[in-house]
Protein backbone atom coordinates (compact mmCIF):
# COMPACT_ATOMS: atom_id res chain seq x y z
CA MET A 1 152.53 149.02 11.05
CA ALA A 2 153.33 152.17 11.01
CA LEU A 3 157.04 153.48 10.62
CA THR A 4 158.24 156.06 11.99
CA LEU A 5 161.52 157.25 10.19
CA LEU A 6 164.12 159.08 12.62
CA SER A 7 167.82 160.95 10.53
CA GLY A 8 170.70 159.78 11.42
CA CYS A 9 173.97 161.47 12.02
CA GLY A 10 174.91 162.04 8.61
CA GLY A 11 173.26 158.18 7.28
CA GLU A 12 170.43 156.35 6.55
CA PRO A 13 166.67 156.82 7.83
CA VAL A 14 166.79 154.14 11.22
CA ALA A 15 163.90 151.82 11.24
CA THR A 16 162.06 152.27 14.59
CA PRO A 17 161.55 148.53 16.16
CA PRO A 18 157.94 147.14 16.20
CA ALA A 19 156.21 147.56 19.75
CA ASP A 20 155.28 144.60 21.57
CA THR A 21 151.89 143.09 20.61
CA PRO A 22 150.04 140.77 23.41
CA GLU A 23 151.22 137.73 20.58
CA THR A 24 154.66 138.29 21.19
CA THR A 25 154.58 139.30 24.23
CA VAL A 26 152.52 135.80 25.41
CA ILE A 27 155.13 133.01 23.59
CA SER A 28 158.28 135.20 25.09
CA GLN A 29 156.85 134.85 28.38
CA ARG A 30 156.31 131.00 27.45
CA MET A 31 159.60 130.75 26.53
CA THR A 32 160.98 131.87 29.40
CA SER A 33 159.22 130.37 31.77
CA SER A 34 159.48 127.28 29.86
CA VAL A 35 163.67 127.57 30.37
CA ALA A 36 164.42 126.40 34.00
CA PRO A 37 166.98 128.36 35.63
CA PRO A 38 171.17 127.14 36.29
CA GLU A 39 171.18 125.21 39.54
CA ALA A 40 174.27 126.74 41.76
CA SER A 41 177.37 125.26 42.20
CA PRO A 42 176.92 123.65 45.51
CA VAL A 43 179.20 125.33 48.61
CA PRO A 44 181.09 123.16 49.71
CA THR A 45 181.10 123.30 54.01
CA SER A 46 183.61 121.81 56.73
CA PRO A 47 182.48 119.92 59.71
CA ALA A 48 180.50 121.61 61.88
CA PRO A 49 182.97 120.72 65.00
CA THR A 50 182.61 118.48 67.85
CA SER A 51 182.83 118.32 71.43
CA PRO A 52 184.16 116.18 72.90
CA VAL A 53 181.41 113.89 74.78
CA PRO A 54 182.07 113.63 78.87
CA THR A 55 183.30 110.85 80.40
CA THR A 56 182.49 110.51 83.96
CA THR A 57 184.31 107.80 85.92
CA THR A 58 182.57 105.93 88.82
CA PRO A 59 185.46 106.79 91.82
CA ALA A 60 187.02 103.14 93.20
CA ALA A 61 185.19 102.12 96.46
CA PRO A 62 187.66 102.73 99.35
CA PRO A 63 189.14 99.18 101.03
CA PRO A 64 187.21 97.76 103.66
CA VAL A 65 188.46 98.42 107.47
CA VAL A 66 189.13 95.96 109.79
CA VAL A 67 190.88 96.14 112.79
CA LEU A 68 192.55 92.70 114.16
CA ASP A 69 192.76 92.46 118.39
CA PRO A 70 195.80 90.43 118.75
CA GLY A 71 194.84 89.69 122.67
CA HIS A 72 197.10 90.05 125.96
CA ASN A 73 200.43 91.97 124.97
CA GLY A 74 204.47 90.58 125.95
CA ALA A 75 205.17 92.74 128.40
CA ASN A 76 202.68 93.12 130.16
CA ALA A 77 203.25 91.08 133.14
CA ALA A 78 206.41 93.28 133.94
CA HIS A 79 203.66 95.81 134.29
CA PRO A 80 200.68 95.71 137.30
CA GLY A 81 200.79 98.59 138.28
CA ASP A 82 199.85 98.68 134.46
CA ILE A 83 197.35 96.34 133.53
CA ASN A 84 195.69 95.91 136.91
CA ARG A 85 193.99 99.43 137.42
CA SER A 86 189.99 99.61 136.17
CA VAL A 87 188.71 100.91 133.50
CA PRO A 88 185.75 100.77 131.47
CA ALA A 89 183.62 97.74 130.77
CA GLY A 90 180.36 98.86 129.43
CA ARG A 91 177.04 97.96 131.08
CA GLY A 92 177.75 100.43 133.96
CA ARG A 93 180.91 98.15 135.21
CA THR A 94 184.76 98.08 135.10
CA LYS A 95 187.34 95.64 135.39
CA PRO A 96 190.80 95.53 134.48
CA CYS A 97 193.03 97.35 131.99
CA ASN A 98 194.20 94.11 131.03
CA THR A 99 195.92 90.68 131.44
CA THR A 100 198.54 87.80 131.18
CA GLY A 101 196.68 85.80 129.51
CA THR A 102 197.40 81.92 129.42
CA ALA A 103 199.34 79.72 128.47
CA THR A 104 200.07 76.11 126.91
CA ASN A 105 201.59 74.10 129.78
CA ALA A 106 205.06 73.37 128.55
CA GLY A 107 204.98 77.48 128.92
CA TYR A 108 204.40 78.57 124.84
CA PRO A 109 201.89 81.94 125.88
CA GLU A 110 199.20 83.04 124.52
CA HIS A 111 199.87 86.94 123.96
CA ALA A 112 202.93 85.21 120.76
CA PHE A 113 199.95 82.76 119.95
CA ALA A 114 197.98 85.89 119.24
CA TRP A 115 199.70 88.16 118.02
CA ASP A 116 201.45 85.84 115.11
CA VAL A 117 198.39 84.36 114.52
CA ALA A 118 197.16 87.98 113.79
CA VAL A 119 199.71 89.25 111.58
CA ARG A 120 199.43 86.23 109.71
CA VAL A 121 195.89 87.50 109.31
CA ARG A 122 196.76 90.50 108.68
CA ASP A 123 198.99 89.70 105.15
CA LEU A 124 196.21 87.57 104.02
CA LEU A 125 193.61 90.62 104.21
CA THR A 126 196.14 93.16 102.76
CA ALA A 127 196.63 90.32 100.02
CA ASN A 128 192.65 90.70 99.77
CA GLY A 129 192.54 95.07 99.37
CA VAL A 130 191.56 95.00 102.82
CA GLN A 131 193.04 98.25 105.69
CA VAL A 132 193.98 96.51 108.16
CA VAL A 133 194.29 97.89 111.57
CA MET A 134 196.51 96.84 114.19
CA THR A 135 195.54 98.11 117.53
CA ARG A 136 198.95 97.04 118.96
CA PRO A 137 202.56 97.47 116.74
CA ASP A 138 203.92 94.49 118.61
CA ASP A 139 204.34 91.90 121.07
CA ASN A 140 206.74 93.67 123.30
CA GLY A 141 204.48 96.16 124.79
CA VAL A 142 201.53 96.85 127.69
CA GLY A 143 198.36 97.32 126.66
CA PRO A 144 196.16 98.59 125.32
CA CYS A 145 193.25 98.79 127.98
CA VAL A 146 190.86 96.51 126.60
CA ASP A 147 188.73 100.24 126.70
CA ARG A 148 191.07 102.09 124.56
CA ARG A 149 191.12 98.31 122.32
CA ALA A 150 187.63 99.26 121.66
CA ALA A 151 187.65 102.22 120.95
CA ILE A 152 190.80 102.00 118.54
CA GLY A 153 188.09 100.09 116.35
CA ASN A 154 184.85 102.32 117.08
CA SER A 155 187.22 105.69 115.54
CA SER A 156 188.27 103.20 112.90
CA GLY A 157 184.77 102.78 110.76
CA ALA A 158 186.13 99.38 110.83
CA ALA A 159 183.83 96.97 108.90
CA ALA A 160 184.57 94.87 111.82
CA VAL A 161 186.57 93.80 114.49
CA VAL A 162 188.25 90.86 115.40
CA SER A 163 190.02 89.93 118.51
CA ILE A 164 192.05 86.82 118.53
CA HIS A 165 192.70 85.13 121.55
CA ALA A 166 193.20 81.27 122.99
CA ASP A 167 190.77 79.94 126.15
CA GLY A 168 192.72 78.12 129.19
CA SER A 169 190.94 75.88 130.82
CA THR A 170 192.16 73.38 133.27
CA ASP A 171 190.48 70.27 131.72
CA PRO A 172 192.27 68.65 129.28
CA SER A 173 189.92 67.12 127.26
CA ALA A 174 188.22 70.99 126.47
CA HIS A 175 189.23 72.17 123.39
CA GLY A 176 187.67 73.84 120.46
CA PHE A 177 186.86 77.44 119.46
CA HIS A 178 184.42 79.69 120.07
CA VAL A 179 183.44 82.45 119.23
CA ALA A 180 182.17 85.04 121.68
CA TYR A 181 180.02 88.74 120.92
CA SER A 182 178.07 90.70 122.83
CA SER A 183 174.81 89.67 124.12
CA PRO A 184 171.95 91.73 124.34
CA PRO A 185 173.25 93.75 122.23
CA LEU A 186 174.01 97.70 123.39
CA ASN A 187 173.96 99.55 120.21
CA GLU A 188 172.38 98.41 116.56
CA ALA A 189 175.75 97.44 115.91
CA GLN A 190 176.08 94.63 117.97
CA GLY A 191 172.86 93.01 116.98
CA GLU A 192 172.19 91.42 113.52
CA PRO A 193 175.52 93.34 112.24
CA ALA A 194 177.60 91.31 115.13
CA LEU A 195 176.06 88.33 115.19
CA LYS A 196 176.05 88.00 111.30
CA LEU A 197 180.21 87.90 111.74
CA ALA A 198 179.84 85.74 114.45
CA THR A 199 178.14 83.08 112.55
CA THR A 200 180.24 84.08 109.66
CA MET A 201 183.80 83.62 111.54
CA ARG A 202 182.12 80.18 113.14
CA ASP A 203 181.25 79.07 109.46
CA LYS A 204 184.60 79.18 107.92
CA LEU A 205 186.14 77.71 111.41
CA ARG A 206 183.94 74.57 111.52
CA LEU A 207 184.43 74.77 107.49
CA ALA A 208 188.44 74.53 108.44
CA GLY A 209 188.52 71.52 110.11
CA LEU A 210 188.20 72.61 112.72
CA PRO A 211 186.41 71.43 115.94
CA THR A 212 183.48 73.66 118.39
CA SER A 213 184.13 74.18 121.79
CA THR A 214 183.08 71.36 123.95
CA TYR A 215 182.63 73.16 127.23
CA ILE A 216 181.91 76.86 126.30
CA GLY A 217 178.31 77.91 124.66
CA SER A 218 177.21 76.08 122.37
CA ASP A 219 177.62 75.24 118.72
CA GLY A 220 180.65 77.63 118.88
CA LEU A 221 178.85 80.77 119.63
CA SER A 222 178.96 82.08 122.66
CA PRO A 223 177.19 85.71 123.34
CA ARG A 224 178.10 87.53 126.77
CA ASP A 225 177.50 90.10 128.34
CA ASP A 226 180.91 90.78 131.00
CA LEU A 227 183.47 91.50 127.87
CA ALA A 228 184.36 95.00 128.04
CA GLY A 229 186.39 94.96 124.18
CA LEU A 230 182.08 93.88 122.86
CA ASN A 231 180.77 95.75 125.40
CA LEU A 232 181.97 99.36 124.17
CA SER A 233 182.83 98.34 120.65
CA GLU A 234 180.36 100.73 118.10
CA ARG A 235 181.48 98.80 115.12
CA PRO A 236 179.76 94.51 115.17
CA ALA A 237 182.34 92.78 116.95
CA VAL A 238 183.78 89.50 118.19
CA LEU A 239 186.34 87.71 119.94
CA VAL A 240 187.73 83.94 118.66
CA GLU A 241 188.87 81.56 121.28
CA CYS A 242 191.00 79.33 118.90
CA GLY A 243 190.97 76.67 121.90
CA ASN A 244 192.26 74.46 125.16
CA MET A 245 196.09 76.35 125.43
CA ARG A 246 195.93 73.94 128.08
CA ASN A 247 194.71 70.34 125.52
CA SER A 248 197.57 68.80 124.12
CA THR A 249 196.56 68.58 120.29
CA GLU A 250 195.62 71.74 120.37
CA ALA A 251 197.87 73.39 122.55
CA ALA A 252 200.76 71.37 119.97
CA ALA A 253 199.15 73.38 117.08
CA PHE A 254 199.17 76.47 118.55
CA SER A 255 202.83 75.85 119.10
CA SER A 256 203.73 75.65 115.34
CA PRO A 257 203.56 77.67 112.26
CA GLU A 258 201.29 75.67 110.90
CA GLY A 259 199.39 75.34 113.16
CA ARG A 260 199.29 79.00 113.20
CA GLN A 261 198.46 78.78 109.61
CA SER A 262 195.72 77.64 109.73
CA TYR A 263 193.73 79.57 111.85
CA ALA A 264 194.97 82.15 110.37
CA GLU A 265 193.74 81.33 107.47
CA ALA A 266 190.08 80.15 108.64
CA ILE A 267 190.11 83.32 110.79
CA ALA A 268 190.86 86.01 107.75
CA GLY A 269 188.59 83.37 106.16
CA GLY A 270 185.69 84.36 107.74
CA ILE A 271 186.50 88.02 108.03
CA LEU A 272 186.31 87.83 103.92
CA SER A 273 183.40 85.71 103.18
CA TYR A 274 181.58 88.58 106.13
CA VAL A 275 182.45 91.85 104.43
CA ARG A 276 182.96 91.21 100.94
CA ALA A 277 178.88 89.62 101.45
CA GLY A 278 178.04 93.94 102.80
């Protein structure tokens, strides 16, 4: 191995280090490869911001609309010119605008009975989340005419239209309720929907212990083609004749608050069963 002598700055000669030999190179590489590099310290990271998960809410379904049509009106008798004028009645016919209605032998009028029962039905339906539209605001006015009553039901988009009446058969033994509906139907609503409303109403009235009519219709149902409010309706519509005001037993029930409440509860029950069934 050769040594090269260099002169320092006024000092001793310095020996030049030997060049690497292949053996030392290999050893150096082996030493280098056997030593693992230091691991890098983990860099702390913050969790990625998360966007709030969007929530969706299903809007509540609007309450069903029911139109109650209490028959006649308290001032009809005092305005014959208004209530006797002819109005469309459907099926190409006309009828008087309205009538005075009937009364019990003791003088309790049908218009007062129909109004009182309708108000009780309204309150029961409202308490059960139903939106109620009345065809007249009180029992002190005139009309409205039968075609106007039908128009109120049509424009409201009602799920059901129920007219409330009491009959006035001259046969004092005749008694019991019947539910009238338009037949033959003039539109889709007067077909299966109206028949379903009529049968549901009939079943609830019967379940309440009220007898079906002995003198009109069959089994509590009465298909009609002569009632303007039903002929002109574009919504499922029925007319409930609660019984005979000339029958002493039914007249007593009609004249008492308790009796009217029992009819109201049965009618409201029929309406609720129908609208809830969809």
